[in-house]
Amino acid sequence: MPTYNRAEYIMRSIQSVLEQTYEKWELIIVDDGSDDETETIIRSLTDKRIHYYKAGRVGIAGRIKNIGISMAEGELIAFLDSDDLWHREKLEKQVKGLREHTEAAFSITGGYNFRTEGVPYEYFYKERTGSKLANIFLSFFQSEDAAMIPSLMMWRDAITKAGLFDETNEFTDVDYLIHISSCFPALVLYEPLLYRRVHAGSHSADNRISASRKGIDIIQKYLANKMLPRAIGRKALFRAYIRSGESYLIEKKKCAAIGNFIKAWQYCPASIIPIKKIGKGIFSKA
């Protein structure tokens, strides 16, 4: 569990681990230099399965996760952001699934976003039950699977083979999931087992725009190394530029928004969606 100034939410996230029906876990909390009450809250806990490590201010999410991986003793590694929640059976169901489906090196799950706990407003998948065992590399680019690191559980041996998180970029989660999916089959559990809290800190303007740009960079990288079919890559870039334009539009950056919508149109000239978006950008209030 990486954390930075999440005193308002971290106790509830920890409780969702303490409530797990699968009890053979250790929780490694890696603090990226919090200066709020995070440390006081964690130090008040007496469960010996919870370990707290002060990393100092690093500011690189991949580095913080890699520290946690290096400290972990288990054969399976999972991740949870310090403002999100797990369903109480999340670990149990993924452990069982990975033990039964030995072809899979990792598992991801369904889930939903929420602003008020227990009130979902956006699910990751239309399916709420069932599973699939598959190579899901292309599925990420086709928006068929949700790239959510807090839903991930992975065999330690697979991490050893695939490598650790990138420590040179701020936004590495999606890139890492795509990378491991290019290396191994996955087990996808569609049941909503991850609950992502949406709040001002998690969806800040800088995060939203930077994440959009990072998504475009990832697609272009896999196109350049010819791992991604051109047709799928172009459609993925179309969607990514639309999302990026919408992010800029939310921040009332009209010129940047329109520029992204024009780039989207270049990847799918037959679509009228970019034209509508451009019109929306032109007539929106500055």
C-alpha atoms as a PDB file:
ATOM      1  CA  MET A   1       0.000   0.000   0.000  1.00  0.00           C
ATOM      2  CA  PRO A   2       1.779   3.146  -1.182  1.00  0.00           C
ATOM      3  CA  THR A   3       0.589   6.293   0.569  1.00  0.00           C
ATOM      4  CA  TYR A   4       1.127  10.029   0.688  1.00  0.00           C
ATOM      5  CA  ASN A   5      -0.968  12.326   2.895  1.00  0.00           C
ATOM      6  CA  ARG A   6      -4.010  10.065   2.981  1.00  0.00           C
ATOM      7  CA  ALA A   7      -4.799  10.384   6.696  1.00  0.00           C
ATOM      8  CA  GLU A   8      -8.426  11.092   5.817  1.00  0.00           C
ATOM      9  CA  TYR A   9      -8.890   7.759   4.031  1.00  0.00           C
ATOM     10  CA  ILE A  10      -6.122   5.310   4.922  1.00  0.00           C
ATOM     11  CA  MET A  11      -7.746   3.808   8.024  1.00  0.00           C
ATOM     12  CA  ARG A  12     -10.768   2.707   6.014  1.00  0.00           C
ATOM     13  CA  SER A  13      -8.472   1.208   3.355  1.00  0.00           C
ATOM     14  CA  ILE A  14      -6.567  -0.712   6.031  1.00  0.00           C
ATOM     15  CA  GLN A  15      -9.849  -1.926   7.526  1.00  0.00           C
ATOM     16  CA  SER A  16     -10.812  -3.402   4.164  1.00  0.00           C
ATOM     17  CA  VAL A  17      -7.646  -5.526   4.420  1.00  0.00           C
ATOM     18  CA  LEU A  18      -8.275  -6.458   8.042  1.00  0.00           C
ATOM     19  CA  GLU A  19     -11.769  -7.632   7.030  1.00  0.00           C
ATOM     20  CA  GLN A  20     -10.481 -10.069   4.391  1.00  0.00           C
ATOM     21  CA  THR A  21     -11.783 -13.628   4.670  1.00  0.00           C
ATOM     22  CA  TYR A  22      -8.341 -14.812   3.539  1.00  0.00           C
ATOM     23  CA  GLU A  23      -6.190 -14.170   6.601  1.00  0.00           C
ATOM     24  CA  LYS A  24      -2.672 -15.205   5.548  1.00  0.00           C
ATOM     25  CA  TRP A  25      -1.553 -11.779   4.394  1.00  0.00           C
ATOM     26  CA  GLU A  26       0.967  -9.115   5.324  1.00  0.00           C
ATOM     27  CA  LEU A  27       0.259  -5.451   4.653  1.00  0.00           C
ATOM     28  CA  ILE A  28       3.312  -3.369   3.801  1.00  0.00           C
ATOM     29  CA  ILE A  29       2.555   0.352   3.894  1.00  0.00           C
ATOM     30  CA  VAL A  30       5.233   2.419   2.164  1.00  0.00           C
ATOM     31  CA  ASP A  31       4.935   6.104   3.077  1.00  0.00           C
ATOM     32  CA  ASP A  32       6.135   8.511   0.397  1.00  0.00           C
ATOM     33  CA  GLY A  33       6.946  11.306   2.856  1.00  0.00           C
ATOM     34  CA  SER A  34       3.540  12.123   4.359  1.00  0.00           C
ATOM     35  CA  ASP A  35       3.449  15.211   6.575  1.00  0.00           C
ATOM     36  CA  ASP A  36      -0.097  14.738   7.879  1.00  0.00           C
ATOM     37  CA  GLU A  37      -1.350  12.278  10.533  1.00  0.00           C
ATOM     38  CA  THR A  38      -0.750   9.165   8.397  1.00  0.00           C
ATOM     39  CA  GLU A  39       2.093   7.806  10.556  1.00  0.00           C
ATOM     40  CA  THR A  40       0.204   8.372  13.817  1.00  0.00           C
ATOM     41  CA  ILE A  41      -2.812   6.473  12.483  1.00  0.00           C
ATOM     42  CA  ILE A  42      -0.756   3.501  11.313  1.00  0.00           C
ATOM     43  CA  ARG A  43       1.365   3.332  14.473  1.00  0.00           C
ATOM     44  CA  SER A  44      -1.843   3.044  16.523  1.00  0.00           C
ATOM     45  CA  LEU A  45      -2.565  -0.351  14.939  1.00  0.00           C
ATOM     46  CA  THR A  46      -1.500  -3.492  16.806  1.00  0.00           C
ATOM     47  CA  ASP A  47      -1.954  -6.192  14.145  1.00  0.00           C
ATOM     48  CA  LYS A  48       1.507  -7.685  13.601  1.00  0.00           C
ATOM     49  CA  ARG A  49       0.732  -8.395   9.957  1.00  0.00           C
ATOM     50  CA  ILE A  50       0.887  -4.654   9.258  1.00  0.00           C
ATOM     51  CA  HIS A  51       4.326  -3.180   8.539  1.00  0.00           C
ATOM     52  CA  TYR A  52       5.102   0.514   8.087  1.00  0.00           C
ATOM     53  CA  TYR A  53       8.081   1.843   6.123  1.00  0.00           C
ATOM     54  CA  LYS A  54       8.983   5.526   5.819  1.00  0.00           C
ATOM     55  CA  ALA A  55      10.566   6.028   2.420  1.00  0.00           C
ATOM     56  CA  GLY A  56      10.915   9.794   2.648  1.00  0.00           C
ATOM     57  CA  ARG A  57       9.633  11.941  -0.213  1.00  0.00           C
ATOM     58  CA  VAL A  58      10.310   9.991  -3.422  1.00  0.00           C
ATOM     59  CA  GLY A  59       7.431  11.143  -5.624  1.00  0.00           C
ATOM     60  CA  ILE A  60       7.729   8.211  -8.044  1.00  0.00           C
ATOM     61  CA  ALA A  61       4.883   5.711  -7.679  1.00  0.00           C
ATOM     62  CA  GLY A  62       6.856   2.886  -9.310  1.00  0.00           C
ATOM     63  CA  ARG A  63       9.740   3.296  -6.866  1.00  0.00           C
ATOM     64  CA  ILE A  64       7.372   3.197  -3.874  1.00  0.00           C
ATOM     65  CA  LYS A  65       5.733   0.001  -5.164  1.00  0.00           C
ATOM     66  CA  ASN A  66       9.125  -1.601  -5.819  1.00  0.00           C
ATOM     67  CA  ILE A  67      10.169  -0.908  -2.234  1.00  0.00           C
ATOM     68  CA  GLY A  68       7.057  -2.727  -1.048  1.00  0.00           C
ATOM     69  CA  ILE A  69       7.723  -5.665  -3.372  1.00  0.00           C
ATOM     70  CA  SER A  70      11.295  -5.959  -2.069  1.00  0.00           C
ATOM     71  CA  MET A  71      10.006  -6.112   1.516  1.00  0.00           C
ATOM     72  CA  ALA A  72       7.222  -8.635   0.847  1.00  0.00           C
ATOM     73  CA  GLU A  73       7.705 -12.253   1.928  1.00  0.00           C
ATOM     74  CA  GLY A  74       4.700 -13.845   0.215  1.00  0.00           C
ATOM     75  CA  GLU A  75       4.586 -15.798  -3.038  1.00  0.00           C
ATOM     76  CA  LEU A  76       1.688 -13.637  -4.237  1.00  0.00           C
ATOM     77  CA  ILE A  77       1.778  -9.836  -4.428  1.00  0.00           C
ATOM     78  CA  ALA A  78      -1.271  -7.534  -4.502  1.00  0.00           C
ATOM     79  CA  PHE A  79      -1.612  -3.763  -4.421  1.00  0.00           C
ATOM     80  CA  LEU A  80      -4.081  -1.377  -2.788  1.00  0.00           C
ATOM     81  CA  ASP A  81      -4.053   2.422  -2.933  1.00  0.00           C
ATOM     82  CA  SER A  82      -4.508   4.079   0.432  1.00  0.00           C
ATOM     83  CA  ASP A  83      -7.843   5.654  -0.477  1.00  0.00           C
ATOM     84  CA  ASP A  84      -9.441   2.602  -2.136  1.00  0.00           C
ATOM     85  CA  LEU A  85     -11.218  -0.442  -0.709  1.00  0.00           C
ATOM     86  CA  TRP A  86     -11.269  -4.196  -1.303  1.00  0.00           C
ATOM     87  CA  HIS A  87     -14.321  -6.443  -1.148  1.00  0.00           C
ATOM     88  CA  ARG A  88     -13.881  -8.704   1.897  1.00  0.00           C
ATOM     89  CA  GLU A  89     -13.447 -11.790  -0.332  1.00  0.00           C
ATOM     90  CA  LYS A  90     -11.081 -10.180  -2.835  1.00  0.00           C
ATOM     91  CA  LEU A  91      -7.912 -11.965  -1.704  1.00  0.00           C
ATOM     92  CA  GLU A  92      -9.638 -15.297  -1.126  1.00  0.00           C
ATOM     93  CA  LYS A  93     -11.166 -15.404  -4.598  1.00  0.00           C
ATOM     94  CA  GLN A  94      -8.003 -14.376  -6.400  1.00  0.00           C
ATOM     95  CA  VAL A  95      -5.791 -16.787  -4.476  1.00  0.00           C
ATOM     96  CA  LYS A  96      -8.227 -19.604  -5.226  1.00  0.00           C
ATOM     97  CA  GLY A  97      -8.437 -18.616  -8.890  1.00  0.00           C
ATOM     98  CA  LEU A  98      -4.692 -18.439  -9.408  1.00  0.00           C
ATOM     99  CA  ARG A  99      -4.136 -21.769  -7.675  1.00  0.00           C
ATOM    100  CA  GLU A 100      -6.778 -23.427  -9.848  1.00  0.00           C
ATOM    101  CA  HIS A 101      -5.648 -21.791 -13.117  1.00  0.00           C
ATOM    102  CA  THR A 102      -1.924 -22.380 -13.032  1.00  0.00           C
ATOM    103  CA  GLU A 103      -1.491 -21.051 -16.585  1.00  0.00           C
ATOM    104  CA  ALA A 104      -2.221 -17.525 -15.329  1.00  0.00           C
ATOM    105  CA  ALA A 105       0.637 -15.461 -13.927  1.00  0.00           C
ATOM    106  CA  PHE A 106      -1.644 -12.756 -12.618  1.00  0.00           C
ATOM    107  CA  SER A 107      -5.266 -11.862 -11.959  1.00  0.00           C
ATOM    108  CA  ILE A 108      -7.294  -8.670 -12.215  1.00  0.00           C
ATOM    109  CA  THR A 109     -10.863  -8.085 -11.081  1.00  0.00           C
ATOM    110  CA  GLY A 110     -13.937  -6.010 -11.706  1.00  0.00           C
ATOM    111  CA  GLY A 111     -14.909  -3.123  -9.507  1.00  0.00           C
ATOM    112  CA  TYR A 112     -16.471   0.297  -9.462  1.00  0.00           C
ATOM    113  CA  ASN A 113     -15.803   3.962  -8.714  1.00  0.00           C
ATOM    114  CA  PHE A 114     -17.540   5.655  -5.799  1.00  0.00           C
ATOM    115  CA  ARG A 115     -17.746   9.031  -4.107  1.00  0.00           C
ATOM    116  CA  THR A 116     -19.918   7.832  -1.235  1.00  0.00           C
ATOM    117  CA  GLU A 117     -18.980   4.432   0.194  1.00  0.00           C
ATOM    118  CA  GLY A 118     -21.388   1.710  -0.873  1.00  0.00           C
ATOM    119  CA  VAL A 119     -22.843   3.812  -3.683  1.00  0.00           C
ATOM    120  CA  PRO A 120     -21.235   2.780  -7.013  1.00  0.00           C
ATOM    121  CA  TYR A 121     -21.593   5.168  -9.934  1.00  0.00           C
ATOM    122  CA  GLU A 122     -19.353   3.609 -12.586  1.00  0.00           C
ATOM    123  CA  TYR A 123     -18.514  -0.093 -12.979  1.00  0.00           C
ATOM    124  CA  PHE A 124     -15.353  -1.291 -14.741  1.00  0.00           C
ATOM    125  CA  TYR A 125     -17.234  -4.037 -16.630  1.00  0.00           C
ATOM    126  CA  LYS A 126     -20.770  -4.699 -17.790  1.00  0.00           C
ATOM    127  CA  GLU A 127     -20.298  -8.264 -16.526  1.00  0.00           C
ATOM    128  CA  ARG A 128     -20.631  -8.697 -12.764  1.00  0.00           C
ATOM    129  CA  THR A 129     -20.039 -12.465 -12.604  1.00  0.00           C
ATOM    130  CA  GLY A 130     -17.887 -15.065 -14.300  1.00  0.00           C
ATOM    131  CA  SER A 131     -14.256 -15.071 -15.361  1.00  0.00           C
ATOM    132  CA  LYS A 132     -11.946 -15.605 -18.305  1.00  0.00           C
ATOM    133  CA  LEU A 133      -8.471 -17.046 -18.714  1.00  0.00           C
ATOM    134  CA  ALA A 134      -6.836 -15.317 -21.664  1.00  0.00           C
ATOM    135  CA  ASN A 135      -4.017 -13.293 -23.132  1.00  0.00           C
ATOM    136  CA  ILE A 136      -5.381  -9.785 -22.567  1.00  0.00           C
ATOM    137  CA  PHE A 137      -2.611  -7.634 -24.056  1.00  0.00           C
ATOM    138  CA  LEU A 138      -4.729  -6.423 -26.987  1.00  0.00           C
ATOM    139  CA  SER A 139      -7.817  -6.197 -24.774  1.00  0.00           C
ATOM    140  CA  PHE A 140      -6.363  -3.223 -22.912  1.00  0.00           C
ATOM    141  CA  PHE A 141      -5.931  -1.279 -26.153  1.00  0.00           C
ATOM    142  CA  GLN A 142      -9.465  -2.210 -27.228  1.00  0.00           C
ATOM    143  CA  SER A 143     -10.956  -0.958 -23.932  1.00  0.00           C
ATOM    144  CA  GLU A 144     -12.178  -4.475 -23.121  1.00  0.00           C
ATOM    145  CA  ASP A 145     -10.277  -4.866 -19.848  1.00  0.00           C
ATOM    146  CA  ALA A 146      -9.725  -2.403 -17.014  1.00  0.00           C
ATOM    147  CA  ALA A 147      -6.117  -1.583 -16.173  1.00  0.00           C
ATOM    148  CA  MET A 148      -6.429  -1.063 -12.417  1.00  0.00           C
ATOM    149  CA  ILE A 149      -3.345  -1.910 -10.357  1.00  0.00           C
ATOM    150  CA  PRO A 150      -5.331  -2.143  -7.062  1.00  0.00           C
ATOM    151  CA  SER A 151      -7.209  -5.087  -8.600  1.00  0.00           C
ATOM    152  CA  LEU A 152      -3.968  -6.905  -9.491  1.00  0.00           C
ATOM    153  CA  MET A 153      -2.641 -10.036  -7.808  1.00  0.00           C
ATOM    154  CA  MET A 154       0.524 -11.570  -9.255  1.00  0.00           C
ATOM    155  CA  TRP A 155       2.876 -14.442  -8.568  1.00  0.00           C
ATOM    156  CA  ARG A 156       6.232 -13.219  -7.273  1.00  0.00           C
ATOM    157  CA  ASP A 157       8.021 -15.482  -9.799  1.00  0.00           C
ATOM    158  CA  ALA A 158       6.249 -13.617 -12.608  1.00  0.00           C
ATOM    159  CA  ILE A 159       7.479 -10.282 -11.246  1.00  0.00           C
ATOM    160  CA  THR A 160      10.998 -11.696 -11.214  1.00  0.00           C
ATOM    161  CA  LYS A 161      10.663 -12.619 -14.893  1.00  0.00           C
ATOM    162  CA  ALA A 162       8.805  -9.521 -16.102  1.00  0.00           C
ATOM    163  CA  GLY A 163      10.710  -6.992 -14.028  1.00  0.00           C
ATOM    164  CA  LEU A 164       9.702  -4.324 -11.542  1.00  0.00           C
ATOM    165  CA  PHE A 165       7.800  -1.062 -12.039  1.00  0.00           C
ATOM    166  CA  ASP A 166       9.363   1.721 -14.087  1.00  0.00           C
ATOM    167  CA  GLU A 167      11.048   4.211 -11.753  1.00  0.00           C
ATOM    168  CA  THR A 168      11.621   6.953 -14.321  1.00  0.00           C
ATOM    169  CA  ASN A 169       7.996   8.046 -14.887  1.00  0.00           C
ATOM    170  CA  GLU A 170       5.290   9.223 -12.503  1.00  0.00           C
ATOM    171  CA  PHE A 171       2.402   7.282 -14.083  1.00  0.00           C
ATOM    172  CA  THR A 172       3.465   3.640 -14.418  1.00  0.00           C
ATOM    173  CA  ASP A 173       0.460   1.540 -13.386  1.00  0.00           C
ATOM    174  CA  VAL A 174      -1.209   1.122 -16.777  1.00  0.00           C
ATOM    175  CA  ASP A 175       2.116   0.619 -18.515  1.00  0.00           C
ATOM    176  CA  TYR A 176       3.046  -2.140 -16.054  1.00  0.00           C
ATOM    177  CA  LEU A 177      -0.224  -4.009 -16.502  1.00  0.00           C
ATOM    178  CA  ILE A 178       0.128  -3.845 -20.279  1.00  0.00           C
ATOM    179  CA  HIS A 179       3.727  -5.026 -20.003  1.00  0.00           C
ATOM    180  CA  ILE A 180       2.932  -8.089 -17.900  1.00  0.00           C
ATOM    181  CA  SER A 181      -0.039  -8.900 -20.134  1.00  0.00           C
ATOM    182  CA  SER A 182       2.383  -9.038 -23.069  1.00  0.00           C
ATOM    183  CA  CYS A 183       4.384 -11.650 -21.141  1.00  0.00           C
ATOM    184  CA  PHE A 184       1.795 -13.902 -19.485  1.00  0.00           C
ATOM    185  CA  PRO A 185      -1.848 -15.080 -19.601  1.00  0.00           C
ATOM    186  CA  ALA A 186      -4.227 -13.544 -17.086  1.00  0.00           C
ATOM    187  CA  LEU A 187      -7.219 -14.610 -15.039  1.00  0.00           C
ATOM    188  CA  VAL A 188      -9.931 -11.929 -15.093  1.00  0.00           C
ATOM    189  CA  LEU A 189     -12.610 -12.117 -12.391  1.00  0.00           C
ATOM    190  CA  TYR A 190     -15.518  -9.904 -13.414  1.00  0.00           C
ATOM    191  CA  GLU A 191     -17.041  -9.680  -9.945  1.00  0.00           C
ATOM    192  CA  PRO A 192     -16.667  -6.161  -8.455  1.00  0.00           C
ATOM    193  CA  LEU A 193     -13.933  -6.752  -5.876  1.00  0.00           C
ATOM    194  CA  LEU A 194     -12.210  -3.334  -5.972  1.00  0.00           C
ATOM    195  CA  TYR A 195     -13.861  -0.075  -4.986  1.00  0.00           C
ATOM    196  CA  ARG A 196     -12.041   3.060  -6.209  1.00  0.00           C
ATOM    197  CA  ARG A 197     -12.668   6.229  -4.236  1.00  0.00           C
ATOM    198  CA  VAL A 198     -12.999   9.330  -6.400  1.00  0.00           C
ATOM    199  CA  HIS A 199     -12.172  12.617  -4.685  1.00  0.00           C
ATOM    200  CA  ALA A 200     -10.501  15.927  -5.472  1.00  0.00           C
ATOM    201  CA  GLY A 201      -7.019  14.639  -4.672  1.00  0.00           C
ATOM    202  CA  SER A 202      -7.285  11.524  -6.846  1.00  0.00           C
ATOM    203  CA  HIS A 203      -8.742  13.309  -9.874  1.00  0.00           C
ATOM    204  CA  SER A 204      -6.845  16.577  -9.850  1.00  0.00           C
ATOM    205  CA  ALA A 205      -6.413  18.477 -13.107  1.00  0.00           C
ATOM    206  CA  ASP A 206      -2.680  17.723 -13.299  1.00  0.00           C
ATOM    207  CA  ASN A 207      -3.228  13.996 -12.697  1.00  0.00           C
ATOM    208  CA  ARG A 208      -6.022  13.761 -15.249  1.00  0.00           C
ATOM    209  CA  ILE A 209      -4.120  15.545 -18.034  1.00  0.00           C
ATOM    210  CA  SER A 210      -0.806  13.802 -17.284  1.00  0.00           C
ATOM    211  CA  ALA A 211      -2.496  10.394 -17.251  1.00  0.00           C
ATOM    212  CA  SER A 212      -4.103  11.150 -20.628  1.00  0.00           C
ATOM    213  CA  ARG A 213      -0.759  12.084 -22.134  1.00  0.00           C
ATOM    214  CA  LYS A 214       0.884   8.997 -20.652  1.00  0.00           C
ATOM    215  CA  GLY A 215      -1.825   6.805 -22.204  1.00  0.00           C
ATOM    216  CA  ILE A 216      -1.057   8.235 -25.644  1.00  0.00           C
ATOM    217  CA  ASP A 217       2.667   7.663 -25.108  1.00  0.00           C
ATOM    218  CA  ILE A 218       2.048   4.009 -24.178  1.00  0.00           C
ATOM    219  CA  ILE A 219       0.034   3.349 -27.340  1.00  0.00           C
ATOM    220  CA  GLN A 220       2.655   5.013 -29.522  1.00  0.00           C
ATOM    221  CA  LYS A 221       5.406   2.982 -27.845  1.00  0.00           C
ATOM    222  CA  TYR A 222       3.759  -0.356 -28.592  1.00  0.00           C
ATOM    223  CA  LEU A 223       2.984   0.762 -32.149  1.00  0.00           C
ATOM    224  CA  ALA A 224       6.606   1.748 -32.663  1.00  0.00           C
ATOM    225  CA  ASN A 225       7.956  -1.609 -31.482  1.00  0.00           C
ATOM    226  CA  LYS A 226       5.364  -3.385 -33.675  1.00  0.00           C
ATOM    227  CA  MET A 227       3.757  -5.292 -30.819  1.00  0.00           C
ATOM    228  CA  LEU A 228       0.430  -3.586 -31.527  1.00  0.00           C
ATOM    229  CA  PRO A 229      -1.422  -4.096 -34.840  1.00  0.00           C
ATOM    230  CA  ARG A 230      -1.756  -0.792 -36.686  1.00  0.00           C
ATOM    231  CA  ALA A 231      -5.567  -0.914 -36.954  1.00  0.00           C
ATOM    232  CA  ILE A 232      -5.987  -1.531 -33.225  1.00  0.00           C
ATOM    233  CA  GLY A 233      -3.382   1.116 -32.425  1.00  0.00           C
ATOM    234  CA  ARG A 234      -5.105   3.768 -34.531  1.00  0.00           C
ATOM    235  CA  LYS A 235      -8.457   3.137 -32.857  1.00  0.00           C
ATOM    236  CA  ALA A 236      -6.781   3.240 -29.458  1.00  0.00           C
ATOM    237  CA  LEU A 237      -5.142   6.572 -30.307  1.00  0.00           C
ATOM    238  CA  PHE A 238      -8.495   7.911 -31.510  1.00  0.00           C
ATOM    239  CA  ARG A 239     -10.074   7.130 -28.138  1.00  0.00           C
ATOM    240  CA  ALA A 240      -7.026   8.396 -26.226  1.00  0.00           C
ATOM    241  CA  TYR A 241      -6.983  11.772 -27.981  1.00  0.00           C
ATOM    242  CA  ILE A 242     -10.722  12.165 -27.390  1.00  0.00           C
ATOM    243  CA  ARG A 243     -10.197  11.495 -23.667  1.00  0.00           C
ATOM    244  CA  SER A 244      -7.239  13.855 -23.582  1.00  0.00           C
ATOM    245  CA  GLY A 245      -9.264  16.583 -25.287  1.00  0.00           C
ATOM    246  CA  GLU A 246     -12.071  16.134 -22.777  1.00  0.00           C
ATOM    247  CA  SER A 247      -9.584  16.456 -19.913  1.00  0.00           C
ATOM    248  CA  TYR A 248      -8.324  19.751 -21.314  1.00  0.00           C
ATOM    249  CA  LEU A 249     -11.879  20.940 -21.889  1.00  0.00           C
ATOM    250  CA  ILE A 250     -12.798  20.297 -18.258  1.00  0.00           C
ATOM    251  CA  GLU A 251      -9.924  22.597 -17.325  1.00  0.00           C
ATOM    252  CA  LYS A 252     -11.180  25.205 -19.825  1.00  0.00           C
ATOM    253  CA  LYS A 253      -8.065  24.891 -21.981  1.00  0.00           C
ATOM    254  CA  LYS A 254      -9.912  25.267 -25.258  1.00  0.00           C
ATOM    255  CA  CYS A 255      -6.970  25.388 -27.685  1.00  0.00           C
ATOM    256  CA  ALA A 256      -5.347  22.257 -26.238  1.00  0.00           C
ATOM    257  CA  ALA A 257      -8.700  20.469 -26.217  1.00  0.00           C
ATOM    258  CA  ILE A 258      -9.458  21.312 -29.842  1.00  0.00           C
ATOM    259  CA  GLY A 259      -5.928  20.269 -30.858  1.00  0.00           C
ATOM    260  CA  ASN A 260      -6.481  16.839 -29.336  1.00  0.00           C
ATOM    261  CA  PHE A 261      -9.887  16.453 -30.999  1.00  0.00           C
ATOM    262  CA  ILE A 262      -8.293  17.281 -34.374  1.00  0.00           C
ATOM    263  CA  LYS A 263      -5.621  14.626 -33.784  1.00  0.00           C
ATOM    264  CA  ALA A 264      -8.348  12.115 -32.903  1.00  0.00           C
ATOM    265  CA  TRP A 265     -10.145  12.926 -36.180  1.00  0.00           C
ATOM    266  CA  GLN A 266      -6.938  12.188 -38.117  1.00  0.00           C
ATOM    267  CA  TYR A 267      -6.965   8.633 -36.779  1.00  0.00           C
ATOM    268  CA  CYS A 268     -10.622   8.068 -37.642  1.00  0.00           C
ATOM    269  CA  PRO A 269     -11.706  10.515 -40.395  1.00  0.00           C
ATOM    270  CA  ALA A 270     -15.082   8.804 -40.853  1.00  0.00           C
ATOM    271  CA  SER A 271     -16.186   9.523 -37.293  1.00  0.00           C
ATOM    272  CA  ILE A 272     -18.295  12.576 -36.510  1.00  0.00           C
ATOM    273  CA  ILE A 273     -17.412  12.436 -32.820  1.00  0.00           C
ATOM    274  CA  PRO A 274     -14.335  14.706 -33.132  1.00  0.00           C
ATOM    275  CA  ILE A 275     -16.360  17.235 -35.144  1.00  0.00           C
ATOM    276  CA  LYS A 276     -18.962  17.395 -32.380  1.00  0.00           C
ATOM    277  CA  LYS A 277     -16.218  17.690 -29.767  1.00  0.00           C
ATOM    278  CA  ILE A 278     -14.501  20.479 -31.705  1.00  0.00           C
ATOM    279  CA  GLY A 279     -17.805  22.345 -31.866  1.00  0.00           C
ATOM    280  CA  LYS A 280     -18.271  21.865 -28.160  1.00  0.00           C
ATOM    281  CA  GLY A 281     -14.772  23.249 -27.577  1.00  0.00           C
ATOM    282  CA  ILE A 282     -15.299  26.281 -29.787  1.00  0.00           C
ATOM    283  CA  PHE A 283     -18.546  27.283 -28.120  1.00  0.00           C
ATOM    284  CA  SER A 284     -17.582  26.420 -24.568  1.00  0.00           C
ATOM    285  CA  LYS A 285     -16.872  29.235 -22.113  1.00  0.00           C
ATOM    286  CA  ALA A 286     -13.203  30.087 -21.720  1.00  0.00           C
END
